[in-house]
Protein backbone atom coordinates (compact mmCIF):
# COMPACT_ATOMS: atom_id res chain seq x y z
CA UNK A 1 -16.32 1.53 28.02
CA UNK A 2 -13.81 2.89 25.48
CA UNK A 3 -10.99 1.28 27.49
CA UNK A 4 -12.66 -2.10 27.10
CA UNK A 5 -12.50 -1.77 23.31
CA UNK A 6 -8.84 -0.74 23.43
CA UNK A 7 -8.04 -3.65 25.74
CA UNK A 8 -9.83 -6.08 23.41
CA UNK A 9 -7.91 -4.74 20.39
CA UNK A 10 -4.59 -4.97 22.26
CA UNK A 11 -5.33 -8.57 23.25
CA UNK A 12 -6.24 -9.47 19.67
CA UNK A 13 -3.06 -7.86 18.34
CA UNK A 14 -0.86 -9.58 20.91
CA UNK A 15 -2.48 -12.94 20.24
CA UNK A 16 -2.05 -12.63 16.51
CA UNK A 17 1.47 -11.24 16.84
CA UNK A 18 2.52 -14.13 19.07
CA UNK A 19 1.50 -16.47 16.26
CA UNK A 20 4.08 -14.81 14.01
CA UNK A 21 7.37 -16.65 13.91
CA UNK A 22 10.74 -15.08 13.28
CA UNK A 23 10.62 -16.31 9.67
CA UNK A 24 7.37 -14.53 8.81
CA UNK A 25 7.20 -11.80 6.20
CA UNK A 26 6.60 -8.24 7.38
CA UNK A 27 5.01 -5.22 5.76
CA UNK A 28 6.45 -1.90 6.88
CA UNK A 29 4.82 1.50 6.53
CA UNK A 30 6.92 4.51 7.35
CA UNK A 31 5.58 8.07 7.17
CA UNK A 32 7.61 11.18 7.97
CA UNK A 33 5.77 14.48 8.13
CA UNK A 34 8.39 17.17 7.57
CA UNK A 35 5.97 20.06 8.03
CA UNK A 36 5.49 22.00 11.24
CA UNK A 37 4.35 18.91 13.17
CA UNK A 38 7.48 16.91 12.27
CA UNK A 39 5.79 13.62 13.17
CA UNK A 40 6.93 10.10 12.35
CA UNK A 41 4.95 6.87 12.06
CA UNK A 42 6.67 3.51 11.75
CA UNK A 43 4.22 0.61 11.43
CA UNK A 44 5.44 -2.98 11.17
CA UNK A 45 2.98 -5.78 10.74
CA UNK A 46 3.74 -9.48 10.25
CA UNK A 47 1.64 -10.87 7.42
CA UNK A 48 0.27 -13.47 9.88
CA UNK A 49 -1.23 -10.59 11.88
CA UNK A 50 -2.62 -9.03 8.73
CA UNK A 51 -4.28 -12.36 7.92
CA UNK A 52 -5.86 -12.49 11.40
CA UNK A 53 -7.13 -8.89 11.16
CA UNK A 54 -8.46 -9.06 7.58
CA UNK A 55 -11.96 -10.35 8.54
CA UNK A 56 -12.44 -7.33 10.81
CA UNK A 57 -11.23 -4.96 8.09
CA UNK A 58 -13.52 -6.54 5.49
CA UNK A 59 -16.45 -6.34 7.92
CA UNK A 60 -15.77 -2.64 8.48
CA UNK A 61 -15.52 -2.02 4.72
CA UNK A 62 -18.86 -3.78 4.14
CA UNK A 63 -20.59 -1.88 6.96
CA UNK A 64 -19.32 1.53 5.77
CA UNK A 65 -20.08 0.95 2.11
CA UNK A 66 -16.55 0.48 0.85
CA UNK A 67 -13.17 2.13 0.87
CA UNK A 68 -13.20 5.87 0.31
CA UNK A 69 -10.16 7.65 -1.08
CA UNK A 70 -10.25 11.31 -0.14
CA UNK A 71 -8.52 13.80 -2.36
CA UNK A 72 -8.44 11.43 -5.32
CA UNK A 73 -10.66 11.81 -8.34
CA UNK A 74 -11.66 8.95 -10.58
CA UNK A 75 -14.50 10.80 -12.32
CA UNK A 76 -15.80 8.67 -15.16
CA UNK A 77 -13.02 6.09 -14.84
CA UNK A 78 -14.01 2.46 -14.34
CA UNK A 79 -10.97 1.15 -12.46
CA UNK A 80 -11.88 -2.49 -13.05
CA UNK A 81 -12.09 -1.96 -16.83
CA UNK A 82 -8.87 0.05 -16.83
CA UNK A 83 -7.14 -2.66 -14.78
CA UNK A 84 -8.40 -5.41 -17.10
CA UNK A 85 -6.71 -3.58 -20.00
CA UNK A 86 -3.43 -3.13 -18.12
CA UNK A 87 -3.43 -6.76 -16.97
CA UNK A 88 -3.83 -8.05 -20.55
CA UNK A 89 -1.29 -5.63 -22.04
CA UNK A 90 2.18 -6.77 -23.09
CA UNK A 91 5.15 -5.56 -21.07
CA UNK A 92 6.25 -2.04 -21.95
CA UNK A 93 5.22 1.60 -21.69
CA UNK A 94 1.46 1.88 -21.31
CA UNK A 95 0.83 5.54 -20.50
CA UNK A 96 3.12 8.55 -20.69
CA UNK A 97 1.84 12.05 -19.98
CA UNK A 98 4.11 15.09 -19.81
CA UNK A 99 2.99 18.66 -19.40
CA UNK A 100 4.28 21.82 -17.77
CA UNK A 101 3.23 20.66 -14.29
CA UNK A 102 4.18 17.00 -14.12
CA UNK A 103 5.20 13.80 -15.84
CA UNK A 104 3.34 10.51 -15.38
CA UNK A 105 4.58 7.17 -16.64
CA UNK A 106 2.79 3.83 -16.30
CA UNK A 107 4.49 0.68 -17.50
CA UNK A 108 4.37 -3.05 -16.99
CA UNK A 109 7.47 -5.21 -16.81
CA UNK A 110 8.22 -8.67 -15.47
CA UNK A 111 4.98 -9.00 -13.51
CA UNK A 112 5.17 -5.52 -11.97
CA UNK A 113 3.08 -2.44 -12.66
CA UNK A 114 5.29 0.66 -12.42
CA UNK A 115 3.75 4.07 -11.80
CA UNK A 116 6.07 7.09 -11.68
CA UNK A 117 4.79 10.60 -11.05
CA UNK A 118 7.15 13.57 -11.01
CA UNK A 119 5.70 16.97 -10.21
CA UNK A 120 7.62 19.97 -11.38
CA UNK A 121 7.81 23.22 -9.50
CA UNK A 122 8.25 24.04 -5.84
CA UNK A 123 6.97 20.77 -4.36
CA UNK A 124 9.00 18.49 -6.61
CA UNK A 125 6.92 15.53 -5.47
CA UNK A 126 8.02 12.09 -6.62
CA UNK A 127 5.79 9.03 -6.39
CA UNK A 128 7.08 5.54 -7.20
CA UNK A 129 4.83 2.48 -7.17
CA UNK A 130 6.17 -1.01 -7.90
CA UNK A 131 3.15 -3.26 -7.55
CA UNK A 132 3.06 -6.94 -8.47
CA UNK A 133 0.18 -7.82 -10.81
CA UNK A 134 -1.46 -10.21 -8.25
CA UNK A 135 -1.42 -7.45 -5.65
CA UNK A 136 -3.19 -4.96 -7.96
CA UNK A 137 -5.62 -7.71 -8.96
CA UNK A 138 -6.50 -8.26 -5.28
CA UNK A 139 -7.14 -4.54 -4.82
CA UNK A 140 -9.17 -3.65 -7.94
CA UNK A 141 -9.63 -6.82 -9.99
CA UNK A 142 -13.03 -7.82 -8.68
CA UNK A 143 -14.38 -4.32 -8.18
CA UNK A 144 -13.77 -4.59 -4.41
CA UNK A 145 -10.77 -5.35 -2.23
CA UNK A 146 -10.37 -9.11 -1.72
CA UNK A 147 -8.67 -9.44 1.67
CA UNK A 148 -7.62 -13.07 1.30
CA UNK A 149 -6.22 -12.43 -2.18
CA UNK A 150 -4.45 -9.31 -0.90
CA UNK A 151 -2.66 -11.19 1.89
CA UNK A 152 -1.84 -14.09 -0.46
CA UNK A 153 -0.42 -11.65 -3.02
CA UNK A 154 1.64 -9.87 -0.36
CA UNK A 155 3.03 -13.26 0.76
CA UNK A 156 4.39 -13.90 -2.73
CA UNK A 157 5.87 -10.43 -3.34
CA UNK A 158 9.66 -10.34 -3.26
CA UNK A 159 11.36 -8.22 -0.60
CA UNK A 160 11.68 -4.56 -1.44
CA UNK A 161 9.84 -1.29 -1.87
CA UNK A 162 6.24 -1.21 -3.04
CA UNK A 163 5.54 2.51 -2.63
CA UNK A 164 7.68 5.58 -2.08
CA UNK A 165 6.45 9.16 -2.02
CA UNK A 166 8.72 12.17 -1.52
CA UNK A 167 7.76 15.80 -1.48
CA UNK A 168 8.80 18.91 0.40
CA UNK A 169 6.56 18.06 3.39
CA UNK A 170 6.66 14.30 3.67
CA UNK A 171 8.27 10.97 2.94
CA UNK A 172 6.27 7.73 2.71
CA UNK A 173 7.74 4.28 2.21
CA UNK A 174 5.93 0.92 2.14
CA UNK A 175 8.02 -2.21 1.78
CA UNK A 176 8.15 -5.93 2.51
CA UNK A 177 10.90 -8.02 4.02
CA UNK A 178 11.56 -10.95 6.30
CA UNK A 179 12.11 -9.24 9.64
CA UNK A 180 10.84 -6.47 11.88
CA UNK A 181 13.00 -3.35 12.06
CA UNK A 182 15.13 -2.93 15.13
CA UNK A 183 13.75 -0.35 17.59
CA UNK A 184 14.89 3.16 16.78
CA UNK A 185 16.02 2.28 13.26
CA UNK A 186 15.23 4.73 10.52
CA UNK A 187 15.39 3.98 6.84
């Protein structure tokens, strides 16, 4: 029975992928685990495929009660209210926090929300987010992820990095461009 589900998913992916033309936009997600497991994930998805899969994702989110972020605390923070303030703010520095452990900087410039986190100490983690305002709006603007708005926002984002995370154990990169990566290519 479990093979039937896998076969159905493979058929759906192939059908949606075949609808993608060479000129489609692609979202790439690359994760390198530099710890003991030394694993590597390289996911490439044409936005046309993402559009085809979004109803299934939204259905899953509704049936499970939403998206859950483990390891992240938003105690007492209303993300929608916070986002409404950021969205209305003029371009410039919005938040800067520096202490002995890390430095966090949030700014808005030319339609992009920039979030930079630099941890001091042994890990030396660096997080860089460059998120277009429409993309953030699709994620948190209505209090729930709007799949259609998310795909539409991704379609209008210029090529380049959206997210990079570097620390002693891992490297994560999420970016958009106009072509799939060649097999075996590493960034």
